[in-house]
């Protein structure tokens, strides 16, 4: 009987031990929770590297523009170097046209004001390019074509030459002079293109002042070739 009681007690102890081990195992098997909430990405803040950590200053002051100084071209000057030089010293004159000395003209023994140009085809040769003379109450001004051809720059300078005389010595308005310049510009262009032949016929370009222009051959003097000449009456002072 004692043996049975002892066996029963041992069995009860084994069952109790197994129950305790099972309880401990269950306490360690708790469910594992994974946090699925996304953590926002944190990016490093971009900083601008400054030299010596000094504040950066932008100078907004505008630099004034520097324009090249414009050189005034003289009518009687086909060389750019001559435009940089002062006009030649000339003898004082009481002539009506003495202001032409500032444009490079010189007065000859006859009293005419002339402009000489060197021949681009022949070294050391000069010829008369422009000439103007007062004859009683008129001014006769010419632009000469060497052997019937205009040299480089002569076309525009001829117009400037004629218009300077017209502006100073005739009673014309600014609007009227603009029309006269267009007329003379067309005339010189037609001569250059060979569409106007040399003749003694004059073309009236300013009726109130009885001003005419003509393209003609040179019949006297040492000049050879042709010339474009304007004939204008002086305004009464």
Protein backbone atom coordinates (compact mmCIF):
# COMPACT_ATOMS: atom_id res chain seq x y z
CA UNK A 1 0.00 0.00 0.00
CA UNK A 2 2.82 2.39 0.80
CA UNK A 3 4.40 1.61 -2.55
CA UNK A 4 1.26 2.65 -4.41
CA UNK A 5 1.06 5.91 -2.48
CA UNK A 6 4.69 6.72 -3.33
CA UNK A 7 4.18 5.98 -7.05
CA UNK A 8 1.10 8.19 -7.15
CA UNK A 9 3.01 11.07 -5.56
CA UNK A 10 5.82 10.76 -8.05
CA UNK A 11 3.36 10.90 -10.93
CA UNK A 12 1.73 14.02 -9.46
CA UNK A 13 5.14 15.71 -9.13
CA UNK A 14 6.01 14.93 -12.78
CA UNK A 15 2.69 16.31 -13.98
CA UNK A 16 3.21 19.50 -11.93
CA UNK A 17 6.69 19.90 -13.33
CA UNK A 18 5.45 19.51 -16.91
CA UNK A 19 2.69 22.07 -16.27
CA UNK A 20 5.18 24.58 -14.91
CA UNK A 21 7.51 24.15 -17.91
CA UNK A 22 4.57 24.54 -20.31
CA UNK A 23 3.50 27.77 -18.53
CA UNK A 24 7.02 29.23 -18.81
CA UNK A 25 7.23 28.39 -22.50
CA UNK A 26 3.91 30.09 -23.23
CA UNK A 27 5.01 33.27 -21.39
CA UNK A 28 8.07 33.60 -23.75
CA UNK A 29 5.97 33.06 -26.91
CA UNK A 30 4.19 36.42 -26.86
CA UNK A 31 3.31 37.71 -30.34
CA UNK A 32 6.04 40.05 -31.93
CA UNK A 33 4.56 43.32 -33.14
CA UNK A 34 6.26 45.11 -36.13
CA UNK A 35 5.72 48.84 -36.31
CA UNK A 36 4.70 49.49 -39.91
CA UNK A 37 4.45 53.29 -39.55
CA UNK A 38 6.85 54.92 -42.06
CA UNK A 39 9.33 57.37 -40.66
CA UNK A 40 9.64 60.45 -42.91
CA UNK A 41 12.99 60.71 -44.64
CA UNK A 42 15.17 63.45 -43.31
CA UNK A 43 17.53 65.00 -45.86
CA UNK A 44 20.48 67.11 -44.93
CA UNK A 45 19.79 70.83 -45.34
CA UNK A 46 21.74 72.40 -48.19
CA UNK A 47 23.85 75.29 -47.14
CA UNK A 48 25.80 77.72 -49.30
CA UNK A 49 29.40 77.82 -48.39
CA UNK A 50 30.55 81.36 -47.87
CA UNK A 51 34.15 82.35 -47.79
CA UNK A 52 35.08 83.15 -44.19
CA UNK A 53 31.34 83.23 -43.38
CA UNK A 54 31.17 86.90 -44.47
CA UNK A 55 27.90 88.23 -45.93
CA UNK A 56 27.86 88.18 -49.75
CA UNK A 57 27.20 91.57 -51.30
CA UNK A 58 26.11 92.16 -54.91
CA UNK A 59 27.19 95.45 -56.38
CA UNK A 60 24.30 96.67 -58.51
CA UNK A 61 25.94 99.95 -59.49
CA UNK A 62 25.94 100.27 -63.27
CA UNK A 63 29.13 101.23 -65.03
CA UNK A 64 28.51 104.14 -67.40
CA UNK A 65 28.95 103.22 -71.07
CA UNK A 66 31.93 104.80 -72.79
CA UNK A 67 31.31 105.67 -76.43
CA UNK A 68 34.15 106.34 -78.86
CA UNK A 69 34.60 109.96 -79.74
CA UNK A 70 33.19 110.67 -83.14
CA UNK A 71 35.62 112.19 -85.61
CA UNK A 72 34.16 114.84 -87.89
CA UNK A 73 35.11 114.29 -91.51
CA UNK A 74 36.17 117.31 -93.48
CA UNK A 75 34.85 117.59 -97.01
CA UNK A 76 38.30 118.04 -98.52
CA UNK A 77 39.90 115.04 -96.83
CA UNK A 78 39.96 111.58 -98.34
CA UNK A 79 42.58 110.32 -95.90
CA UNK A 80 41.42 109.28 -92.39
CA UNK A 81 44.68 110.61 -90.95
CA UNK A 82 43.87 114.09 -92.25
CA UNK A 83 40.62 114.07 -90.28
CA UNK A 84 42.62 113.63 -87.09
CA UNK A 85 44.91 116.56 -87.84
CA UNK A 86 43.96 120.22 -87.39
CA UNK A 87 43.15 122.18 -90.56
CA UNK A 88 46.20 123.73 -92.27
CA UNK A 89 47.10 127.31 -91.47
CA UNK A 90 46.01 129.67 -94.21
CA UNK A 91 46.34 133.39 -94.77
CA UNK A 92 43.44 135.37 -93.37
CA UNK A 93 40.94 136.24 -96.08
CA UNK A 94 37.88 138.42 -96.29
CA UNK A 95 36.42 136.14 -98.90
CA UNK A 96 32.78 135.13 -98.66
CA UNK A 97 33.96 131.52 -98.74
CA UNK A 98 36.83 131.72 -96.25
CA UNK A 99 35.05 129.23 -93.93
CA UNK A 100 35.98 126.52 -96.46
CA UNK A 101 39.52 126.63 -95.08
CA UNK A 102 38.24 124.63 -92.09
CA UNK A 103 37.10 121.96 -94.55
CA UNK A 104 40.58 121.64 -96.06
CA UNK A 105 40.13 123.99 -99.05
CA UNK A 106 42.76 126.48 -100.13
CA UNK A 107 42.37 129.73 -102.09
CA UNK A 108 44.31 130.00 -105.33
CA UNK A 109 45.56 133.12 -107.09
CA UNK A 110 42.34 133.46 -109.06
CA UNK A 111 40.31 133.72 -105.87
CA UNK A 112 38.71 130.30 -106.25
CA UNK A 113 38.58 127.86 -103.35
CA UNK A 114 39.87 124.45 -104.39
CA UNK A 115 40.33 120.99 -102.94
CA UNK A 116 43.09 118.77 -104.26
CA UNK A 117 43.18 114.98 -104.16
CA UNK A 118 45.96 112.54 -104.93
CA UNK A 119 45.48 110.19 -107.82
CA UNK A 120 44.94 106.66 -106.46
CA UNK A 121 46.17 105.25 -109.78
CA UNK A 122 49.39 107.24 -110.06
CA UNK A 123 51.69 108.05 -107.17
CA UNK A 124 52.68 111.67 -106.80
CA UNK A 125 49.91 113.01 -109.06
CA UNK A 126 47.29 115.40 -107.72
CA UNK A 127 44.21 116.81 -109.37
CA UNK A 128 41.46 119.27 -108.48
CA UNK A 129 38.56 117.48 -106.85
CA UNK A 130 36.31 120.41 -105.83
CA UNK A 131 36.25 124.05 -106.84
CA UNK A 132 33.98 126.99 -106.09
CA UNK A 133 34.16 130.61 -107.22
CA UNK A 134 32.03 133.69 -106.81
CA UNK A 135 31.07 135.32 -110.10
CA UNK A 136 29.16 138.53 -109.46
CA UNK A 137 25.96 137.47 -107.66
CA UNK A 138 26.40 133.76 -108.29
CA UNK A 139 28.37 130.84 -106.91
CA UNK A 140 29.66 128.25 -109.36
CA UNK A 141 30.77 125.05 -107.65
CA UNK A 142 32.07 121.89 -109.31
CA UNK A 143 32.99 118.33 -108.44
CA UNK A 144 35.42 116.98 -111.04
CA UNK A 145 35.51 113.41 -112.31
CA UNK A 146 38.98 112.31 -113.29
CA UNK A 147 38.64 110.70 -116.73
CA UNK A 148 34.88 110.47 -116.19
CA UNK A 149 34.99 108.43 -112.97
CA UNK A 150 34.22 109.26 -109.33
CA UNK A 151 36.92 108.26 -106.88
CA UNK A 152 36.07 106.50 -103.63
CA UNK A 153 34.14 108.73 -101.25
CA UNK A 154 33.60 111.48 -103.82
CA UNK A 155 29.89 110.89 -104.30
CA UNK A 156 28.84 111.65 -100.71
CA UNK A 157 31.39 114.43 -100.27
CA UNK A 158 30.12 116.13 -103.43
CA UNK A 159 26.64 116.19 -101.93
CA UNK A 160 27.97 117.57 -98.64
CA UNK A 161 29.92 120.22 -100.52
CA UNK A 162 26.95 121.37 -102.60
CA UNK A 163 24.54 121.34 -99.65
CA UNK A 164 26.91 123.37 -97.48
CA UNK A 165 26.94 126.13 -100.10
CA UNK A 166 23.18 125.98 -100.59
CA UNK A 167 22.48 126.16 -96.86
CA UNK A 168 24.81 129.12 -96.29
CA UNK A 169 24.10 131.21 -99.36
CA UNK A 170 20.47 130.68 -100.40
CA UNK A 171 17.12 131.34 -98.79
CA UNK A 172 15.92 127.78 -98.26
CA UNK A 173 14.10 126.01 -95.45
CA UNK A 174 15.18 122.75 -93.88
CA UNK A 175 12.36 120.90 -95.60
CA UNK A 176 13.27 122.46 -98.93
CA UNK A 177 16.93 121.47 -98.51
CA UNK A 178 15.95 117.87 -97.85
CA UNK A 179 14.20 117.78 -101.23
CA UNK A 180 17.18 119.45 -102.92
CA UNK A 181 19.56 116.89 -101.47
CA UNK A 182 17.43 114.01 -102.74
CA UNK A 183 17.37 115.59 -106.21
CA UNK A 184 21.14 116.10 -106.33
CA UNK A 185 21.79 112.64 -104.89
CA UNK A 186 19.71 111.09 -107.68
CA UNK A 187 21.53 113.23 -110.27
CA UNK A 188 25.01 112.22 -109.06
CA UNK A 189 23.97 108.55 -108.92
CA UNK A 190 22.74 108.67 -112.53
CA UNK A 191 26.04 110.24 -113.59
CA UNK A 192 27.94 107.50 -111.78
CA UNK A 193 25.85 104.83 -113.53
CA UNK A 194 26.46 106.45 -116.94
CA UNK A 195 22.77 107.23 -117.48
CA UNK A 196 23.42 110.96 -117.86
CA UNK A 197 25.85 111.93 -120.60
CA UNK A 198 27.98 115.09 -120.57
CA UNK A 199 26.11 118.04 -122.06
CA UNK A 200 25.78 121.79 -121.64
CA UNK A 201 22.16 121.42 -120.61
CA UNK A 202 21.31 122.55 -117.08
CA UNK A 203 18.63 121.01 -114.83
CA UNK A 204 16.66 123.29 -112.53
CA UNK A 205 16.59 121.86 -108.99
CA UNK A 206 15.48 124.95 -107.00
CA UNK A 207 13.11 127.21 -108.88
CA UNK A 208 12.77 130.07 -106.30
CA UNK A 209 16.57 130.52 -106.27
CA UNK A 210 17.03 129.68 -109.97
CA UNK A 211 19.59 127.01 -109.10
CA UNK A 212 20.68 124.59 -111.81
CA UNK A 213 22.94 121.53 -112.02
CA UNK A 214 24.69 120.16 -115.07
CA UNK A 215 27.11 117.41 -116.08
CA UNK A 216 29.59 118.61 -118.68
CA UNK A 217 33.00 118.09 -120.22
CA UNK A 218 35.92 120.33 -119.25
CA UNK A 219 36.76 122.55 -122.18
CA UNK A 220 39.39 124.80 -120.67
CA UNK A 221 42.29 124.73 -118.26
CA UNK A 222 44.58 121.87 -117.35
CA UNK A 223 41.77 119.65 -116.11
CA UNK A 224 40.75 116.70 -118.19
CA UNK A 225 37.53 114.79 -117.84
CA UNK A 226 34.08 115.88 -116.77
CA UNK A 227 32.46 117.79 -113.94
CA UNK A 228 29.20 118.08 -112.03
CA UNK A 229 28.51 121.77 -111.48
CA UNK A 230 25.84 123.72 -109.62
CA UNK A 231 25.08 127.36 -110.34
CA UNK A 232 23.25 129.20 -107.55
CA UNK A 233 22.34 132.82 -106.98
CA UNK A 234 23.46 134.39 -103.71
CA UNK A 235 20.73 135.39 -101.31
CA UNK A 236 20.32 139.15 -100.94
CA UNK A 237 21.41 140.23 -97.47
